[in-house]
Amino acid sequence: MDKAAQRVGDEAKVVKINVDDNQPLAPRFGVTGIPALLVFKNGRVVEQLRSGSDLAQRLLAHAN
């Protein structure tokens, strides 16, 4: 995640959330496994990623 945040720079905002500390968020966004990576655009989930995905590339695809 940190590397992805560095690669996308100001094009996207990368935020980590611990679902153990924020339990209402997992069911709200349909997170059933960890890690789950959600891409939001204009306040809506536009893509959900699993570990092993090229996170930075996918974030940049949604940046514009």
N, C-alpha and C. Protein backbone atom coordinates (compact mmCIF):
# COMPACT_ATOMS: atom_id res chain seq x y z
N MET A 1 0.82 -1.19 0.00
CA MET A 1 0.00 0.00 0.00
C MET A 1 0.87 1.26 0.00
N ASP A 2 1.90 1.26 0.80
CA ASP A 2 2.75 2.45 0.86
C ASP A 2 3.44 2.70 -0.48
N LYS A 3 3.88 1.64 -1.13
CA LYS A 3 4.52 1.79 -2.44
C LYS A 3 3.52 2.30 -3.46
N ALA A 4 2.30 1.80 -3.41
CA ALA A 4 1.26 2.27 -4.33
C ALA A 4 0.98 3.74 -4.11
N ALA A 5 0.91 4.17 -2.85
CA ALA A 5 0.66 5.58 -2.55
C ALA A 5 1.77 6.45 -3.11
N GLN A 6 3.01 6.00 -3.01
CA GLN A 6 4.14 6.77 -3.56
C GLN A 6 4.05 6.86 -5.07
N ARG A 7 3.70 5.75 -5.72
CA ARG A 7 3.64 5.74 -7.19
C ARG A 7 2.53 6.62 -7.74
N VAL A 8 1.39 6.68 -7.07
CA VAL A 8 0.28 7.48 -7.60
C VAL A 8 0.39 8.95 -7.22
N GLY A 9 1.18 9.26 -6.21
CA GLY A 9 1.39 10.66 -5.81
C GLY A 9 0.08 11.37 -5.54
N ASP A 10 -0.11 12.53 -6.16
CA ASP A 10 -1.30 13.34 -5.94
C ASP A 10 -2.48 12.90 -6.82
N GLU A 11 -2.28 11.90 -7.66
CA GLU A 11 -3.35 11.46 -8.56
C GLU A 11 -4.45 10.70 -7.82
N ALA A 12 -4.13 10.15 -6.65
CA ALA A 12 -5.11 9.38 -5.88
C ALA A 12 -4.75 9.46 -4.41
N LYS A 13 -5.72 9.19 -3.57
CA LYS A 13 -5.49 9.15 -2.13
C LYS A 13 -5.57 7.70 -1.69
N VAL A 14 -4.54 7.23 -1.02
CA VAL A 14 -4.49 5.85 -0.53
C VAL A 14 -4.66 5.89 0.98
N VAL A 15 -5.65 5.14 1.47
CA VAL A 15 -5.97 5.14 2.90
C VAL A 15 -6.07 3.70 3.37
N LYS A 16 -5.46 3.40 4.50
CA LYS A 16 -5.57 2.07 5.11
C LYS A 16 -6.58 2.16 6.25
N ILE A 17 -7.44 1.16 6.32
CA ILE A 17 -8.41 1.09 7.42
C ILE A 17 -8.35 -0.31 8.01
N ASN A 18 -8.20 -0.39 9.31
CA ASN A 18 -8.20 -1.65 10.02
C ASN A 18 -9.65 -2.02 10.33
N VAL A 19 -10.17 -3.09 9.70
CA VAL A 19 -11.57 -3.45 9.92
C VAL A 19 -11.84 -3.95 11.33
N ASP A 20 -10.81 -4.39 12.04
CA ASP A 20 -11.01 -4.77 13.44
C ASP A 20 -11.34 -3.55 14.28
N ASP A 21 -10.77 -2.41 13.92
CA ASP A 21 -11.02 -1.17 14.65
C ASP A 21 -12.22 -0.40 14.10
N ASN A 22 -12.68 -0.76 12.90
CA ASN A 22 -13.79 -0.07 12.24
C ASN A 22 -14.77 -1.11 11.68
N GLN A 23 -15.31 -1.94 12.56
CA GLN A 23 -16.11 -3.09 12.15
C GLN A 23 -17.33 -2.77 11.28
N PRO A 24 -18.00 -1.66 11.43
CA PRO A 24 -19.16 -1.40 10.56
C PRO A 24 -18.81 -1.22 9.08
N LEU A 25 -17.55 -0.91 8.78
CA LEU A 25 -17.17 -0.65 7.39
C LEU A 25 -17.13 -1.90 6.52
N ALA A 26 -16.73 -3.04 7.08
CA ALA A 26 -16.60 -4.27 6.28
C ALA A 26 -17.94 -4.66 5.63
N PRO A 27 -19.00 -4.83 6.38
CA PRO A 27 -20.27 -5.20 5.72
C PRO A 27 -20.84 -4.07 4.86
N ARG A 28 -20.60 -2.85 5.24
CA ARG A 28 -21.11 -1.71 4.47
C ARG A 28 -20.58 -1.74 3.03
N PHE A 29 -19.32 -2.16 2.87
CA PHE A 29 -18.71 -2.17 1.54
C PHE A 29 -18.51 -3.58 0.99
N GLY A 30 -19.11 -4.58 1.63
CA GLY A 30 -19.06 -5.94 1.12
C GLY A 30 -17.71 -6.61 1.25
N VAL A 31 -16.93 -6.21 2.22
CA VAL A 31 -15.61 -6.82 2.44
C VAL A 31 -15.81 -8.13 3.18
N THR A 32 -15.41 -9.23 2.54
CA THR A 32 -15.56 -10.54 3.15
C THR A 32 -14.23 -11.21 3.45
N GLY A 33 -13.14 -10.65 2.94
CA GLY A 33 -11.82 -11.20 3.18
C GLY A 33 -10.80 -10.07 3.29
N ILE A 34 -9.71 -10.40 3.93
CA ILE A 34 -8.65 -9.41 4.14
C ILE A 34 -7.38 -9.94 3.50
N PRO A 35 -6.62 -9.17 2.78
CA PRO A 35 -6.86 -7.74 2.53
C PRO A 35 -7.86 -7.54 1.41
N ALA A 36 -8.62 -6.49 1.53
CA ALA A 36 -9.53 -6.06 0.47
C ALA A 36 -9.18 -4.62 0.14
N LEU A 37 -9.06 -4.33 -1.11
CA LEU A 37 -8.68 -3.00 -1.55
C LEU A 37 -9.81 -2.44 -2.40
N LEU A 38 -10.37 -1.32 -1.97
CA LEU A 38 -11.48 -0.72 -2.67
C LEU A 38 -11.03 0.58 -3.32
N VAL A 39 -11.46 0.79 -4.55
CA VAL A 39 -11.14 2.02 -5.27
C VAL A 39 -12.43 2.83 -5.34
N PHE A 40 -12.38 4.05 -4.81
CA PHE A 40 -13.53 4.94 -4.81
C PHE A 40 -13.30 6.05 -5.83
N LYS A 41 -14.37 6.45 -6.49
CA LYS A 41 -14.31 7.61 -7.38
C LYS A 41 -15.62 8.37 -7.18
N ASN A 42 -15.50 9.64 -6.88
CA ASN A 42 -16.68 10.47 -6.61
C ASN A 42 -17.56 9.87 -5.53
N GLY A 43 -16.93 9.28 -4.51
CA GLY A 43 -17.66 8.75 -3.37
C GLY A 43 -18.27 7.37 -3.56
N ARG A 44 -18.03 6.74 -4.70
CA ARG A 44 -18.59 5.42 -4.97
C ARG A 44 -17.49 4.41 -5.24
N VAL A 45 -17.73 3.16 -4.84
CA VAL A 45 -16.78 2.08 -5.12
C VAL A 45 -16.85 1.77 -6.61
N VAL A 46 -15.72 1.89 -7.30
CA VAL A 46 -15.68 1.59 -8.73
C VAL A 46 -14.91 0.31 -9.03
N GLU A 47 -14.16 -0.16 -8.05
CA GLU A 47 -13.42 -1.42 -8.24
C GLU A 47 -13.02 -1.97 -6.88
N GLN A 48 -13.03 -3.29 -6.78
CA GLN A 48 -12.58 -3.97 -5.57
C GLN A 48 -11.44 -4.89 -5.98
N LEU A 49 -10.33 -4.79 -5.29
CA LEU A 49 -9.12 -5.54 -5.64
C LEU A 49 -8.74 -6.51 -4.54
N ARG A 50 -8.08 -7.56 -4.93
CA ARG A 50 -7.52 -8.53 -3.99
C ARG A 50 -6.02 -8.34 -3.93
N SER A 51 -5.40 -8.89 -2.91
CA SER A 51 -3.94 -8.79 -2.82
C SER A 51 -3.33 -9.43 -4.05
N GLY A 52 -2.18 -8.93 -4.46
CA GLY A 52 -1.52 -9.43 -5.64
C GLY A 52 -1.83 -8.61 -6.87
N SER A 53 -2.86 -7.76 -6.80
CA SER A 53 -3.18 -6.88 -7.91
C SER A 53 -2.15 -5.77 -7.98
N ASP A 54 -1.94 -5.21 -9.14
CA ASP A 54 -1.07 -4.05 -9.26
C ASP A 54 -1.88 -2.83 -8.85
N LEU A 55 -1.88 -2.57 -7.57
CA LEU A 55 -2.72 -1.53 -6.98
C LEU A 55 -2.47 -0.17 -7.60
N ALA A 56 -1.23 0.22 -7.71
CA ALA A 56 -0.92 1.54 -8.24
C ALA A 56 -1.44 1.71 -9.66
N GLN A 57 -1.27 0.69 -10.48
CA GLN A 57 -1.74 0.75 -11.87
C GLN A 57 -3.26 0.91 -11.90
N ARG A 58 -3.96 0.16 -11.10
CA ARG A 58 -5.43 0.24 -11.06
C ARG A 58 -5.89 1.59 -10.53
N LEU A 59 -5.20 2.12 -9.51
CA LEU A 59 -5.58 3.44 -8.97
C LEU A 59 -5.41 4.51 -10.04
N LEU A 60 -4.29 4.46 -10.74
CA LEU A 60 -4.04 5.46 -11.79
C LEU A 60 -5.07 5.36 -12.90
N ALA A 61 -5.55 4.18 -13.18
CA ALA A 61 -6.56 4.00 -14.22
C ALA A 61 -7.84 4.74 -13.87
N HIS A 62 -8.11 4.91 -12.59
CA HIS A 62 -9.33 5.60 -12.13
C HIS A 62 -9.08 7.06 -11.76
N ALA A 63 -7.85 7.49 -11.79
CA ALA A 63 -7.50 8.83 -11.27
C ALA A 63 -8.14 9.96 -12.06
N ASN A 64 -8.28 9.81 -13.33
CA ASN A 64 -8.83 10.90 -14.15
C ASN A 64 -10.31 10.77 -14.39
